[in-house]
Amino acid sequence: MGRGLLEVHLVDAKGLAGNDFLGKLDPYVVVQYRSQERKSSTARDEGRNPSWNEVFKFQISSTAANVQHKLVFRILDHDNFSSDDFLGEASINVTDLISIGVEKGTSELKPAKYSVVAADNSYHGEIRVGITFTAAKVEEDGGQVGGWMHSYRD
């Protein structure tokens, strides 16, 4: 499929369902692409409408043609005295975004709203995310441009 860099812009969320025993929600997001995970900061006391405005980077390295590429956003409420509560999750299929990026060099999904659902698929708010994929440049000999291979001179 392709190699490159997937940049995920976690903007904000609206209308998150859930309640905290001691007050407002303190939500954070765990973004997962295959075995790679990134964790946002905790939006302390921001309740049901948190804002993060953070960017996470994932290395994409896939040679398989029919693999589905998916980002999963798990939203949790940080709790100090008990385990964190699951508020919901959203999934975004980025297979086409990566395919177009490999073909054109780069591709982008402007920030858009995606539904947050609970384990029972009930609606629990929405999350706003933007995604950009930039393909790794490959030279004629098949070597990647940049990186340590090209930093050493004889």
N, C-alpha and C. Protein backbone atom coordinates (compact mmCIF):
# COMPACT_ATOMS: atom_id res chain seq x y z
N MET A 1 0.83 -1.20 0.00
CA MET A 1 0.00 0.00 0.00
C MET A 1 0.86 1.24 0.00
N GLY A 2 1.67 1.45 1.06
CA GLY A 2 2.48 2.65 1.05
C GLY A 2 3.20 2.91 2.35
N ARG A 3 4.12 3.85 2.26
CA ARG A 3 4.87 4.29 3.43
C ARG A 3 4.71 5.79 3.55
N GLY A 4 4.72 6.26 4.78
CA GLY A 4 4.62 7.69 4.97
C GLY A 4 4.28 8.05 6.39
N LEU A 5 3.81 9.29 6.54
CA LEU A 5 3.50 9.83 7.85
C LEU A 5 2.03 10.25 7.91
N LEU A 6 1.34 9.74 8.89
CA LEU A 6 -0.06 10.09 9.12
C LEU A 6 -0.09 11.05 10.30
N GLU A 7 -0.57 12.27 10.06
CA GLU A 7 -0.67 13.27 11.12
C GLU A 7 -2.14 13.45 11.49
N VAL A 8 -2.43 13.28 12.75
CA VAL A 8 -3.80 13.35 13.24
C VAL A 8 -3.94 14.59 14.12
N HIS A 9 -4.84 15.49 13.72
CA HIS A 9 -5.09 16.71 14.48
C HIS A 9 -6.36 16.50 15.30
N LEU A 10 -6.19 16.28 16.59
CA LEU A 10 -7.30 16.12 17.52
C LEU A 10 -7.73 17.52 17.95
N VAL A 11 -8.90 17.96 17.50
CA VAL A 11 -9.34 19.33 17.74
C VAL A 11 -10.12 19.42 19.05
N ASP A 12 -11.32 18.83 19.09
CA ASP A 12 -12.17 18.94 20.27
C ASP A 12 -13.26 17.88 20.23
N ALA A 13 -14.14 17.93 21.22
CA ALA A 13 -15.30 17.04 21.27
C ALA A 13 -16.48 17.84 21.81
N LYS A 14 -17.67 17.40 21.47
CA LYS A 14 -18.89 18.09 21.92
C LYS A 14 -19.90 17.05 22.40
N GLY A 15 -20.60 17.41 23.45
CA GLY A 15 -21.72 16.60 23.93
C GLY A 15 -21.36 15.21 24.42
N LEU A 16 -20.17 15.05 25.00
CA LEU A 16 -19.78 13.74 25.49
C LEU A 16 -20.73 13.29 26.60
N ALA A 17 -21.14 12.04 26.54
CA ALA A 17 -22.02 11.49 27.57
C ALA A 17 -21.15 10.96 28.71
N GLY A 18 -21.70 10.96 29.87
CA GLY A 18 -20.97 10.46 31.03
C GLY A 18 -21.07 11.46 32.16
N ASN A 19 -20.85 10.99 33.37
CA ASN A 19 -20.86 11.90 34.50
C ASN A 19 -19.79 11.47 35.48
N ASP A 20 -19.28 12.42 36.19
CA ASP A 20 -18.23 12.15 37.16
C ASP A 20 -18.80 12.39 38.55
N PHE A 21 -18.49 11.50 39.45
CA PHE A 21 -19.01 11.54 40.80
C PHE A 21 -18.67 12.86 41.51
N LEU A 22 -17.47 13.36 41.29
CA LEU A 22 -17.03 14.56 42.01
C LEU A 22 -17.14 15.85 41.21
N GLY A 23 -17.76 15.84 40.07
CA GLY A 23 -17.87 17.09 39.30
C GLY A 23 -17.76 16.86 37.82
N LYS A 24 -17.02 17.75 37.17
CA LYS A 24 -16.90 17.72 35.71
C LYS A 24 -16.03 16.57 35.22
N LEU A 25 -16.28 16.21 33.97
CA LEU A 25 -15.45 15.21 33.31
C LEU A 25 -14.05 15.80 33.06
N ASP A 26 -13.05 14.93 33.09
CA ASP A 26 -11.67 15.28 32.74
C ASP A 26 -11.25 14.37 31.59
N PRO A 27 -11.77 14.63 30.38
CA PRO A 27 -11.56 13.67 29.29
C PRO A 27 -10.17 13.75 28.65
N TYR A 28 -9.74 12.58 28.18
CA TYR A 28 -8.54 12.48 27.35
C TYR A 28 -8.82 11.44 26.28
N VAL A 29 -7.97 11.39 25.26
CA VAL A 29 -8.19 10.50 24.12
C VAL A 29 -6.96 9.64 23.91
N VAL A 30 -7.19 8.35 23.67
CA VAL A 30 -6.13 7.45 23.24
C VAL A 30 -6.38 7.18 21.76
N VAL A 31 -5.43 7.61 20.92
CA VAL A 31 -5.54 7.43 19.47
C VAL A 31 -4.71 6.22 19.09
N GLN A 32 -5.33 5.29 18.35
CA GLN A 32 -4.63 4.05 18.00
C GLN A 32 -4.67 3.83 16.49
N TYR A 33 -3.49 3.51 15.95
CA TYR A 33 -3.36 3.05 14.57
C TYR A 33 -2.56 1.76 14.65
N ARG A 34 -3.23 0.64 14.39
CA ARG A 34 -2.61 -0.68 14.52
C ARG A 34 -1.98 -0.82 15.90
N SER A 35 -0.69 -1.09 15.98
CA SER A 35 -0.06 -1.30 17.30
C SER A 35 0.48 0.00 17.90
N GLN A 36 0.35 1.11 17.18
CA GLN A 36 0.84 2.40 17.69
C GLN A 36 -0.27 3.13 18.44
N GLU A 37 0.07 3.65 19.60
CA GLU A 37 -0.90 4.42 20.40
C GLU A 37 -0.29 5.75 20.82
N ARG A 38 -1.14 6.77 20.84
CA ARG A 38 -0.75 8.08 21.34
C ARG A 38 -1.84 8.54 22.30
N LYS A 39 -1.44 9.25 23.35
CA LYS A 39 -2.41 9.71 24.35
C LYS A 39 -2.39 11.23 24.41
N SER A 40 -3.59 11.82 24.39
CA SER A 40 -3.70 13.28 24.49
C SER A 40 -3.49 13.71 25.93
N SER A 41 -3.40 15.00 26.11
CA SER A 41 -3.39 15.55 27.46
C SER A 41 -4.81 15.42 28.03
N THR A 42 -4.93 15.53 29.32
CA THR A 42 -6.24 15.49 29.97
C THR A 42 -6.82 16.90 29.98
N ALA A 43 -8.04 17.03 29.47
CA ALA A 43 -8.73 18.33 29.44
C ALA A 43 -9.40 18.51 30.81
N ARG A 44 -8.64 19.00 31.77
CA ARG A 44 -9.12 19.11 33.16
C ARG A 44 -10.31 20.05 33.29
N ASP A 45 -11.35 19.56 33.94
CA ASP A 45 -12.56 20.34 34.23
C ASP A 45 -13.23 20.94 33.00
N GLU A 46 -13.00 20.36 31.82
CA GLU A 46 -13.64 20.89 30.61
C GLU A 46 -14.98 20.21 30.33
N GLY A 47 -15.31 19.20 31.11
CA GLY A 47 -16.63 18.60 31.02
C GLY A 47 -16.94 17.92 29.69
N ARG A 48 -18.17 18.13 29.22
CA ARG A 48 -18.66 17.42 28.03
C ARG A 48 -18.19 18.01 26.71
N ASN A 49 -17.55 19.17 26.74
CA ASN A 49 -17.11 19.85 25.51
C ASN A 49 -15.63 20.22 25.57
N PRO A 50 -14.75 19.22 25.67
CA PRO A 50 -13.32 19.50 25.82
C PRO A 50 -12.67 19.94 24.51
N SER A 51 -11.55 20.64 24.67
CA SER A 51 -10.75 21.07 23.53
C SER A 51 -9.31 20.64 23.76
N TRP A 52 -8.68 20.03 22.74
CA TRP A 52 -7.29 19.59 22.87
C TRP A 52 -6.36 20.33 21.92
N ASN A 53 -6.72 20.39 20.66
CA ASN A 53 -5.89 21.02 19.63
C ASN A 53 -4.46 20.47 19.65
N GLU A 54 -4.34 19.14 19.54
CA GLU A 54 -3.05 18.46 19.58
C GLU A 54 -2.86 17.66 18.29
N VAL A 55 -1.60 17.48 17.90
CA VAL A 55 -1.27 16.72 16.69
C VAL A 55 -0.45 15.49 17.09
N PHE A 56 -0.83 14.34 16.53
CA PHE A 56 -0.13 13.08 16.78
C PHE A 56 0.35 12.53 15.45
N LYS A 57 1.54 11.92 15.46
CA LYS A 57 2.13 11.38 14.23
C LYS A 57 2.27 9.87 14.32
N PHE A 58 1.91 9.22 13.21
CA PHE A 58 2.01 7.76 13.11
C PHE A 58 2.80 7.41 11.86
N GLN A 59 3.76 6.51 11.99
CA GLN A 59 4.51 6.02 10.83
C GLN A 59 3.68 4.92 10.16
N ILE A 60 3.50 5.08 8.85
CA ILE A 60 2.75 4.09 8.09
C ILE A 60 3.75 3.33 7.23
N SER A 61 3.72 2.02 7.33
CA SER A 61 4.61 1.19 6.54
C SER A 61 3.88 -0.09 6.21
N SER A 62 3.19 -0.08 5.09
CA SER A 62 2.39 -1.24 4.72
C SER A 62 2.61 -1.57 3.25
N THR A 63 2.87 -2.81 2.97
CA THR A 63 3.04 -3.24 1.59
C THR A 63 1.83 -4.01 1.09
N ALA A 64 0.96 -4.43 2.01
CA ALA A 64 -0.23 -5.19 1.61
C ALA A 64 -1.24 -4.28 0.92
N ALA A 65 -1.84 -4.77 -0.15
CA ALA A 65 -2.76 -3.96 -0.94
C ALA A 65 -4.17 -3.91 -0.37
N ASN A 66 -4.68 -4.99 0.19
CA ASN A 66 -6.08 -4.98 0.63
C ASN A 66 -6.23 -4.88 2.14
N VAL A 67 -5.33 -4.20 2.79
CA VAL A 67 -5.43 -4.02 4.24
C VAL A 67 -6.26 -2.78 4.54
N GLN A 68 -7.16 -2.89 5.51
CA GLN A 68 -7.94 -1.73 5.96
C GLN A 68 -7.11 -0.95 6.97
N HIS A 69 -7.03 0.34 6.75
CA HIS A 69 -6.30 1.21 7.67
C HIS A 69 -7.32 2.02 8.46
N LYS A 70 -7.24 1.90 9.79
CA LYS A 70 -8.27 2.51 10.63
C LYS A 70 -7.62 3.17 11.84
N LEU A 71 -8.13 4.36 12.15
CA LEU A 71 -7.76 5.05 13.38
C LEU A 71 -8.90 4.85 14.38
N VAL A 72 -8.56 4.57 15.62
CA VAL A 72 -9.56 4.42 16.67
C VAL A 72 -9.27 5.45 17.74
N PHE A 73 -10.30 6.19 18.13
CA PHE A 73 -10.20 7.22 19.16
C PHE A 73 -11.02 6.76 20.36
N ARG A 74 -10.35 6.39 21.45
CA ARG A 74 -11.05 5.99 22.68
C ARG A 74 -11.02 7.17 23.63
N ILE A 75 -12.20 7.59 24.06
CA ILE A 75 -12.31 8.75 24.94
C ILE A 75 -12.58 8.25 26.36
N LEU A 76 -11.74 8.70 27.28
CA LEU A 76 -11.86 8.27 28.67
C LEU A 76 -11.91 9.48 29.59
N ASP A 77 -12.47 9.26 30.77
CA ASP A 77 -12.54 10.29 31.80
C ASP A 77 -11.51 9.95 32.86
N HIS A 78 -10.55 10.85 33.08
CA HIS A 78 -9.52 10.63 34.08
C HIS A 78 -10.12 10.73 35.48
N ASP A 79 -9.88 9.71 36.28
CA ASP A 79 -10.33 9.70 37.68
C ASP A 79 -9.12 9.53 38.58
N ASN A 80 -9.06 10.32 39.64
CA ASN A 80 -7.93 10.25 40.57
C ASN A 80 -8.01 9.06 41.51
N PHE A 81 -9.22 8.69 41.94
CA PHE A 81 -9.36 7.69 43.00
C PHE A 81 -9.91 6.35 42.54
N SER A 82 -10.15 6.21 41.23
CA SER A 82 -10.62 4.93 40.69
C SER A 82 -10.11 4.81 39.25
N SER A 83 -10.39 3.68 38.64
CA SER A 83 -9.93 3.51 37.26
C SER A 83 -10.68 4.48 36.35
N ASP A 84 -10.02 4.88 35.26
CA ASP A 84 -10.62 5.84 34.34
C ASP A 84 -11.85 5.25 33.67
N ASP A 85 -12.85 6.10 33.43
CA ASP A 85 -14.12 5.64 32.85
C ASP A 85 -14.10 5.78 31.34
N PHE A 86 -14.59 4.75 30.65
CA PHE A 86 -14.72 4.76 29.20
C PHE A 86 -15.94 5.60 28.84
N LEU A 87 -15.74 6.64 28.01
CA LEU A 87 -16.86 7.50 27.61
C LEU A 87 -17.40 7.13 26.23
N GLY A 88 -16.56 6.55 25.39
CA GLY A 88 -16.99 6.16 24.04
C GLY A 88 -15.81 6.12 23.10
N GLU A 89 -16.09 5.77 21.85
CA GLU A 89 -15.03 5.74 20.86
C GLU A 89 -15.54 6.08 19.48
N ALA A 90 -14.62 6.49 18.63
CA ALA A 90 -14.92 6.79 17.23
C ALA A 90 -13.86 6.10 16.39
N SER A 91 -14.26 5.63 15.20
CA SER A 91 -13.33 4.99 14.27
C SER A 91 -13.37 5.72 12.94
N ILE A 92 -12.22 5.89 12.34
CA ILE A 92 -12.13 6.53 11.02
C ILE A 92 -11.31 5.63 10.12
N ASN A 93 -11.89 5.24 9.00
CA ASN A 93 -11.18 4.44 8.02
C ASN A 93 -10.33 5.39 7.17
N VAL A 94 -9.01 5.20 7.16
CA VAL A 94 -8.11 6.08 6.43
C VAL A 94 -7.46 5.38 5.23
N THR A 95 -8.02 4.25 4.82
CA THR A 95 -7.47 3.49 3.70
C THR A 95 -7.41 4.34 2.43
N ASP A 96 -8.52 4.99 2.08
CA ASP A 96 -8.56 5.81 0.86
C ASP A 96 -7.64 7.02 0.97
N LEU A 97 -7.58 7.63 2.14
CA LEU A 97 -6.70 8.77 2.36
C LEU A 97 -5.25 8.38 2.10
N ILE A 98 -4.83 7.22 2.58
CA ILE A 98 -3.46 6.74 2.38
C ILE A 98 -3.22 6.42 0.90
N SER A 99 -4.19 5.77 0.25
CA SER A 99 -4.06 5.44 -1.19
C SER A 99 -3.88 6.69 -2.03
N ILE A 100 -4.68 7.71 -1.77
CA ILE A 100 -4.58 8.96 -2.53
C ILE A 100 -3.25 9.64 -2.23
N GLY A 101 -2.83 9.62 -0.98
CA GLY A 101 -1.55 10.22 -0.60
C GLY A 101 -0.37 9.55 -1.27
N VAL A 102 -0.42 8.23 -1.38
CA VAL A 102 0.65 7.49 -2.05
C VAL A 102 0.70 7.89 -3.52
N GLU A 103 -0.47 8.05 -4.13
CA GLU A 103 -0.56 8.41 -5.54
C GLU A 103 -0.14 9.85 -5.81
N LYS A 104 -0.61 10.78 -4.96
CA LYS A 104 -0.39 12.22 -5.22
C LYS A 104 0.71 12.84 -4.37
N GLY A 105 1.25 12.10 -3.41
CA GLY A 105 2.29 12.64 -2.55
C GLY A 105 1.76 13.07 -1.19
N THR A 106 0.54 13.59 -1.18
CA THR A 106 -0.09 13.98 0.08
C THR A 106 -1.61 13.99 -0.09
N SER A 107 -2.31 13.79 1.00
CA SER A 107 -3.77 13.90 0.99
C SER A 107 -4.23 14.33 2.38
N GLU A 108 -5.41 14.98 2.42
CA GLU A 108 -5.84 15.58 3.67
C GLU A 108 -7.36 15.45 3.85
N LEU A 109 -7.75 15.18 5.07
CA LEU A 109 -9.14 15.29 5.49
C LEU A 109 -9.20 16.48 6.42
N LYS A 110 -9.88 17.54 6.03
CA LYS A 110 -10.02 18.72 6.88
C LYS A 110 -10.74 18.32 8.17
N PRO A 111 -10.56 19.07 9.25
CA PRO A 111 -11.25 18.72 10.49
C PRO A 111 -12.76 18.54 10.27
N ALA A 112 -13.26 17.39 10.71
CA ALA A 112 -14.67 17.04 10.56
C ALA A 112 -15.14 16.34 11.83
N LYS A 113 -16.45 16.28 12.00
CA LYS A 113 -17.04 15.67 13.18
C LYS A 113 -17.33 14.19 12.93
N TYR A 114 -17.00 13.36 13.92
CA TYR A 114 -17.24 11.92 13.86
C TYR A 114 -18.00 11.53 15.13
N SER A 115 -18.96 10.63 14.97
CA SER A 115 -19.78 10.21 16.12
C SER A 115 -18.97 9.39 17.11
N VAL A 116 -19.20 9.68 18.38
CA VAL A 116 -18.63 8.91 19.48
C VAL A 116 -19.72 7.96 19.94
N VAL A 117 -19.42 6.68 19.99
CA VAL A 117 -20.41 5.69 20.41
C VAL A 117 -19.90 4.88 21.59
N ALA A 118 -20.85 4.41 22.40
CA ALA A 118 -20.52 3.55 23.54
C ALA A 118 -20.41 2.11 23.05
N ALA A 119 -20.12 1.19 23.95
CA ALA A 119 -19.98 -0.22 23.60
C ALA A 119 -21.25 -0.78 22.98
N ASP A 120 -22.42 -0.23 23.36
CA ASP A 120 -23.69 -0.71 22.81
C ASP A 120 -24.10 0.04 21.53
N ASN A 121 -23.16 0.81 20.95
CA ASN A 121 -23.37 1.61 19.74
C ASN A 121 -24.32 2.78 19.92
N SER A 122 -24.64 3.15 21.16
CA SER A 122 -25.48 4.33 21.38
C SER A 122 -24.62 5.59 21.23
N TYR A 123 -25.23 6.64 20.74
CA TYR A 123 -24.55 7.91 20.47
C TYR A 123 -24.13 8.57 21.78
N HIS A 124 -22.86 8.97 21.86
CA HIS A 124 -22.33 9.60 23.08
C HIS A 124 -21.59 10.89 22.78
N GLY A 125 -21.98 11.60 21.72
CA GLY A 125 -21.34 12.87 21.39
C GLY A 125 -20.58 12.77 20.09
N GLU A 126 -19.71 13.77 19.87
CA GLU A 126 -18.92 13.78 18.64
C GLU A 126 -17.52 14.31 18.92
N ILE A 127 -16.60 13.91 18.07
CA ILE A 127 -15.22 14.33 18.18
C ILE A 127 -14.82 14.95 16.84
N ARG A 128 -14.02 16.02 16.88
CA ARG A 128 -13.61 16.67 15.64
C ARG A 128 -12.12 16.41 15.42
N VAL A 129 -11.81 15.88 14.23
CA VAL A 129 -10.47 15.43 13.90
C VAL A 129 -10.13 15.80 12.46
N GLY A 130 -8.88 16.20 12.21
CA GLY A 130 -8.36 16.40 10.87
C GLY A 130 -7.19 15.45 10.67
N ILE A 131 -6.99 14.96 9.44
CA ILE A 131 -5.95 13.96 9.19
C ILE A 131 -5.22 14.31 7.89
N THR A 132 -3.90 14.20 7.92
CA THR A 132 -3.08 14.40 6.73
C THR A 132 -2.14 13.22 6.57
N PHE A 133 -2.01 12.72 5.34
CA PHE A 133 -1.04 11.67 5.04
C PHE A 133 -0.04 12.21 4.03
N THR A 134 1.25 12.06 4.34
CA THR A 134 2.31 12.46 3.43
C THR A 134 3.13 11.23 3.11
N ALA A 135 3.18 10.89 1.82
CA ALA A 135 3.92 9.70 1.39
C ALA A 135 5.42 9.92 1.53
N ALA A 136 6.13 8.85 1.86
CA ALA A 136 7.58 8.91 1.90
C ALA A 136 8.09 8.95 0.47
N LYS A 137 9.04 9.83 0.19
CA LYS A 137 9.60 9.93 -1.16
C LYS A 137 10.55 8.76 -1.38
N VAL A 138 10.47 8.17 -2.57
CA VAL A 138 11.34 7.04 -2.91
C VAL A 138 12.16 7.42 -4.13
N GLU A 139 13.47 7.21 -4.05
CA GLU A 139 14.36 7.51 -5.17
C GLU A 139 14.28 6.42 -6.23
N GLU A 140 14.91 6.67 -7.38
CA GLU A 140 14.92 5.73 -8.49
C GLU A 140 15.44 4.36 -8.06
N ASP A 141 16.47 4.33 -7.20
CA ASP A 141 17.05 3.05 -6.78
C ASP A 141 16.24 2.36 -5.69
N GLY A 142 15.13 2.97 -5.31
CA GLY A 142 14.27 2.37 -4.30
C GLY A 142 14.59 2.80 -2.89
N GLY A 143 15.66 3.58 -2.69
CA GLY A 143 16.02 4.04 -1.35
C GLY A 143 15.16 5.22 -0.94
N GLN A 144 14.92 5.33 0.33
CA GLN A 144 14.12 6.44 0.83
C GLN A 144 14.96 7.70 0.91
N VAL A 145 14.39 8.84 0.56
CA VAL A 145 15.09 10.11 0.64
C VAL A 145 15.04 10.59 2.08
N GLY A 146 16.17 11.13 2.57
CA GLY A 146 16.21 11.61 3.94
C GLY A 146 16.56 10.49 4.89
N GLY A 147 16.64 10.81 6.15
CA GLY A 147 16.98 9.78 7.13
C GLY A 147 18.47 9.54 7.18
N TRP A 148 18.86 8.58 7.93
CA TRP A 148 20.29 8.35 8.17
C TRP A 148 21.02 7.83 6.94
N MET A 149 20.33 7.14 5.99
CA MET A 149 21.00 6.60 4.82
C MET A 149 21.68 7.70 3.99
N HIS A 150 21.07 8.88 3.94
CA HIS A 150 21.56 9.95 3.09
C HIS A 150 22.35 10.99 3.87
N SER A 151 22.56 10.78 5.15
CA SER A 151 23.27 11.79 5.95
C SER A 151 24.77 11.51 6.00
N TYR A 152 25.19 10.35 5.55
CA TYR A 152 26.62 9.99 5.59
C TYR A 152 27.21 10.13 4.20
N ARG A 153 28.33 10.82 4.10
CA ARG A 153 29.02 10.99 2.81
C ARG A 153 30.39 10.34 2.91
N ASP A 154 30.84 9.71 1.80
CA ASP A 154 32.17 9.10 1.75
C ASP A 154 33.25 10.15 1.63
